[in-house]
């Protein structure tokens, strides 16, 4: 396994893995249609199929915001703490 040059941080870090998971989770949830292709349970009269997808709109927004903030922090750390 090749080692990273001295002074250069590794490309794959735990923070970047978390960022990737935050961005991939909504795609997996929406592409796995058989997990939510049903009517029950209903929520205020709305079938599960629809409210589950609308819930993921909110969850996706939150996960994207978390990924963005983590990315900003990671970039600042790589530039030696200078504000970006």
N, C-alpha and C. Protein backbone atom coordinates (compact mmCIF):
# COMPACT_ATOMS: atom_id res chain seq x y z
N UNK A 1 0.84 -1.18 0.00
CA UNK A 1 0.00 0.00 0.00
C UNK A 1 0.89 1.24 0.00
N UNK A 2 0.61 2.15 -0.89
CA UNK A 2 1.42 3.37 -0.99
C UNK A 2 1.08 4.32 0.15
N UNK A 3 2.11 4.93 0.70
CA UNK A 3 1.91 5.88 1.78
C UNK A 3 1.79 7.28 1.20
N UNK A 4 1.07 8.13 1.92
CA UNK A 4 0.92 9.52 1.51
C UNK A 4 2.23 10.26 1.74
N UNK A 5 2.56 11.21 0.87
CA UNK A 5 3.75 12.02 1.09
C UNK A 5 3.64 12.78 2.40
N UNK A 6 4.80 13.05 3.00
CA UNK A 6 4.80 13.77 4.28
C UNK A 6 4.16 15.14 4.13
N UNK A 7 3.39 15.51 5.14
CA UNK A 7 2.77 16.82 5.14
C UNK A 7 1.44 16.89 4.40
N UNK A 8 1.13 15.89 3.60
CA UNK A 8 -0.13 15.88 2.86
C UNK A 8 -1.13 14.96 3.57
N UNK A 9 -2.30 15.50 3.94
CA UNK A 9 -3.28 14.64 4.63
C UNK A 9 -3.83 13.57 3.70
N UNK A 10 -4.28 12.45 4.25
CA UNK A 10 -4.83 11.37 3.41
C UNK A 10 -6.09 11.84 2.68
N UNK A 11 -6.31 11.26 1.52
CA UNK A 11 -7.47 11.63 0.71
C UNK A 11 -8.76 11.12 1.32
N UNK A 12 -8.77 9.87 1.78
CA UNK A 12 -9.96 9.29 2.39
C UNK A 12 -9.80 9.38 3.91
N UNK A 13 -10.68 10.13 4.52
CA UNK A 13 -10.67 10.30 5.96
C UNK A 13 -12.04 9.92 6.52
N UNK A 14 -12.12 9.68 7.82
CA UNK A 14 -13.44 9.37 8.40
C UNK A 14 -14.48 10.46 8.14
N UNK A 15 -14.07 11.72 8.16
CA UNK A 15 -15.00 12.82 7.90
C UNK A 15 -15.53 12.73 6.47
N UNK A 16 -14.67 12.43 5.53
CA UNK A 16 -15.11 12.32 4.14
C UNK A 16 -16.02 11.11 3.92
N UNK A 17 -15.82 10.06 4.68
CA UNK A 17 -16.71 8.90 4.60
C UNK A 17 -18.09 9.29 5.11
N UNK A 18 -18.15 10.04 6.20
CA UNK A 18 -19.43 10.51 6.74
C UNK A 18 -20.13 11.42 5.73
N UNK A 19 -19.36 12.30 5.08
CA UNK A 19 -19.92 13.18 4.05
C UNK A 19 -20.53 12.34 2.93
N UNK A 20 -19.81 11.34 2.48
CA UNK A 20 -20.32 10.48 1.40
C UNK A 20 -21.59 9.76 1.83
N UNK A 21 -21.63 9.26 3.05
CA UNK A 21 -22.82 8.57 3.53
C UNK A 21 -24.02 9.51 3.61
N UNK A 22 -23.77 10.75 4.04
CA UNK A 22 -24.86 11.74 4.10
C UNK A 22 -25.43 12.00 2.72
N UNK A 23 -24.60 12.00 1.70
CA UNK A 23 -25.06 12.29 0.35
C UNK A 23 -25.65 11.08 -0.36
N UNK A 24 -25.23 9.88 0.02
CA UNK A 24 -25.71 8.66 -0.65
C UNK A 24 -27.01 8.14 -0.02
N UNK A 25 -27.20 8.37 1.27
CA UNK A 25 -28.36 7.83 1.99
C UNK A 25 -29.71 8.16 1.32
N UNK A 26 -29.96 9.41 0.92
CA UNK A 26 -31.25 9.70 0.27
C UNK A 26 -31.46 8.93 -1.03
N UNK A 27 -30.39 8.75 -1.80
CA UNK A 27 -30.52 8.00 -3.05
C UNK A 27 -30.89 6.55 -2.79
N UNK A 28 -30.22 5.94 -1.82
CA UNK A 28 -30.52 4.55 -1.48
C UNK A 28 -31.96 4.43 -0.99
N UNK A 29 -32.37 5.34 -0.13
CA UNK A 29 -33.72 5.30 0.42
C UNK A 29 -34.78 5.43 -0.68
N UNK A 30 -34.53 6.28 -1.64
CA UNK A 30 -35.53 6.50 -2.71
C UNK A 30 -35.48 5.42 -3.79
N UNK A 31 -34.31 4.84 -4.01
CA UNK A 31 -34.21 3.79 -5.04
C UNK A 31 -34.72 2.44 -4.55
N UNK A 32 -34.82 2.26 -3.24
CA UNK A 32 -35.31 1.01 -2.66
C UNK A 32 -36.83 1.11 -2.54
N UNK A 33 -37.50 1.16 -3.67
CA UNK A 33 -38.94 1.43 -3.74
C UNK A 33 -39.76 0.39 -3.01
N UNK A 34 -39.37 -0.86 -3.05
CA UNK A 34 -40.18 -1.90 -2.41
C UNK A 34 -40.30 -1.69 -0.90
N UNK A 35 -39.42 -0.90 -0.31
CA UNK A 35 -39.50 -0.65 1.13
C UNK A 35 -40.62 0.33 1.49
N UNK A 36 -41.06 1.13 0.54
CA UNK A 36 -42.11 2.11 0.85
C UNK A 36 -43.29 2.08 -0.12
N UNK A 37 -43.36 1.10 -0.98
CA UNK A 37 -44.46 1.01 -1.94
C UNK A 37 -45.68 0.34 -1.29
N UNK A 38 -46.30 1.08 -0.36
CA UNK A 38 -47.49 0.57 0.33
C UNK A 38 -48.36 1.75 0.77
N UNK A 39 -49.55 1.45 1.18
CA UNK A 39 -50.49 2.49 1.57
C UNK A 39 -50.43 2.76 3.07
N UNK A 40 -50.39 1.69 3.86
CA UNK A 40 -50.38 1.85 5.32
C UNK A 40 -48.97 1.89 5.86
N UNK A 41 -48.67 2.64 6.89
CA UNK A 41 -49.58 3.47 7.68
C UNK A 41 -49.83 4.82 7.02
N UNK A 42 -51.03 5.30 7.17
CA UNK A 42 -51.34 6.63 6.65
C UNK A 42 -51.03 7.67 7.71
N UNK A 43 -50.76 8.88 7.28
CA UNK A 43 -50.47 9.99 8.17
C UNK A 43 -51.36 11.15 7.77
N UNK A 44 -52.24 11.55 8.65
CA UNK A 44 -53.28 12.55 8.38
C UNK A 44 -53.98 12.32 7.03
N UNK A 45 -54.25 11.06 6.77
CA UNK A 45 -54.97 10.69 5.55
C UNK A 45 -54.11 10.52 4.32
N UNK A 46 -52.80 10.72 4.44
CA UNK A 46 -51.90 10.61 3.29
C UNK A 46 -51.26 9.22 3.31
N UNK A 47 -51.34 8.48 2.20
CA UNK A 47 -50.74 7.15 2.15
C UNK A 47 -49.23 7.19 2.40
N UNK A 48 -48.71 6.12 2.98
CA UNK A 48 -47.30 6.01 3.33
C UNK A 48 -46.39 6.34 2.15
N UNK A 49 -46.73 5.85 0.97
CA UNK A 49 -45.91 6.06 -0.23
C UNK A 49 -45.57 7.53 -0.43
N UNK A 50 -46.55 8.40 -0.20
CA UNK A 50 -46.34 9.83 -0.45
C UNK A 50 -45.65 10.54 0.71
N UNK A 51 -46.11 10.28 1.95
CA UNK A 51 -45.50 11.02 3.06
C UNK A 51 -44.08 10.56 3.33
N UNK A 52 -43.76 9.32 3.02
CA UNK A 52 -42.38 8.84 3.18
C UNK A 52 -41.43 9.61 2.25
N UNK A 53 -41.86 9.81 1.02
CA UNK A 53 -41.03 10.56 0.07
C UNK A 53 -40.88 12.03 0.47
N UNK A 54 -41.96 12.63 0.96
CA UNK A 54 -41.90 14.02 1.40
C UNK A 54 -41.02 14.16 2.65
N UNK A 55 -41.05 13.16 3.51
CA UNK A 55 -40.17 13.17 4.68
C UNK A 55 -38.71 13.13 4.26
N UNK A 56 -38.43 12.38 3.21
CA UNK A 56 -37.05 12.31 2.72
C UNK A 56 -36.58 13.62 2.09
N UNK A 57 -37.49 14.45 1.64
CA UNK A 57 -37.10 15.78 1.16
C UNK A 57 -36.48 16.56 2.31
N UNK A 58 -37.13 16.52 3.47
CA UNK A 58 -36.61 17.21 4.65
C UNK A 58 -35.32 16.57 5.16
N UNK A 59 -35.30 15.24 5.21
CA UNK A 59 -34.10 14.53 5.68
C UNK A 59 -32.93 14.81 4.74
N UNK A 60 -33.19 14.81 3.44
CA UNK A 60 -32.13 15.07 2.46
C UNK A 60 -31.56 16.47 2.62
N UNK A 61 -32.43 17.43 2.90
CA UNK A 61 -31.97 18.79 3.12
C UNK A 61 -31.04 18.85 4.32
N UNK A 62 -31.44 18.22 5.41
CA UNK A 62 -30.62 18.21 6.62
C UNK A 62 -29.28 17.49 6.39
N UNK A 63 -29.32 16.35 5.71
CA UNK A 63 -28.09 15.60 5.46
C UNK A 63 -27.15 16.36 4.52
N UNK A 64 -27.70 17.05 3.54
CA UNK A 64 -26.87 17.85 2.64
C UNK A 64 -26.22 19.01 3.39
N UNK A 65 -26.97 19.62 4.30
CA UNK A 65 -26.43 20.72 5.10
C UNK A 65 -25.30 20.21 6.01
N UNK A 66 -25.49 19.06 6.62
CA UNK A 66 -24.45 18.46 7.46
C UNK A 66 -23.21 18.16 6.62
N UNK A 67 -23.41 17.58 5.45
CA UNK A 67 -22.28 17.25 4.56
C UNK A 67 -21.52 18.51 4.16
N UNK A 68 -22.25 19.58 3.86
CA UNK A 68 -21.62 20.84 3.46
C UNK A 68 -20.79 21.44 4.60
N UNK A 69 -21.36 21.44 5.80
CA UNK A 69 -20.63 21.98 6.96
C UNK A 69 -19.39 21.14 7.25
N UNK A 70 -19.50 19.82 7.17
CA UNK A 70 -18.34 18.95 7.38
C UNK A 70 -17.29 19.19 6.31
N UNK A 71 -17.72 19.39 5.08
CA UNK A 71 -16.78 19.65 3.97
C UNK A 71 -16.04 20.96 4.20
N UNK A 72 -16.77 22.00 4.62
CA UNK A 72 -16.12 23.28 4.91
C UNK A 72 -15.07 23.11 6.00
N UNK A 73 -15.43 22.41 7.07
CA UNK A 73 -14.50 22.20 8.17
C UNK A 73 -13.28 21.40 7.72
N UNK A 74 -13.51 20.40 6.88
CA UNK A 74 -12.41 19.59 6.37
C UNK A 74 -11.47 20.43 5.51
N UNK A 75 -12.04 21.28 4.66
CA UNK A 75 -11.21 22.12 3.80
C UNK A 75 -10.39 23.14 4.61
N UNK A 76 -11.02 23.71 5.64
CA UNK A 76 -10.27 24.64 6.50
C UNK A 76 -9.12 23.93 7.19
N UNK A 77 -9.36 22.71 7.66
CA UNK A 77 -8.32 21.93 8.35
C UNK A 77 -7.17 21.61 7.39
N UNK A 78 -7.50 21.33 6.13
CA UNK A 78 -6.46 21.01 5.14
C UNK A 78 -5.64 22.24 4.75
N UNK A 79 -6.24 23.41 4.87
CA UNK A 79 -5.52 24.63 4.52
C UNK A 79 -4.83 25.23 5.74
N UNK A 80 -4.76 24.49 6.82
CA UNK A 80 -4.04 24.95 7.99
C UNK A 80 -4.83 25.88 8.89
N UNK A 81 -6.16 25.78 8.84
CA UNK A 81 -6.99 26.57 9.73
C UNK A 81 -7.39 27.92 9.20
N UNK A 82 -6.95 28.29 8.01
CA UNK A 82 -7.35 29.58 7.42
C UNK A 82 -8.84 29.55 7.10
N UNK A 83 -9.54 30.62 7.35
CA UNK A 83 -10.98 30.64 7.08
C UNK A 83 -11.22 30.64 5.57
N UNK A 84 -12.21 29.85 5.17
CA UNK A 84 -12.51 29.72 3.74
C UNK A 84 -13.59 30.65 3.31
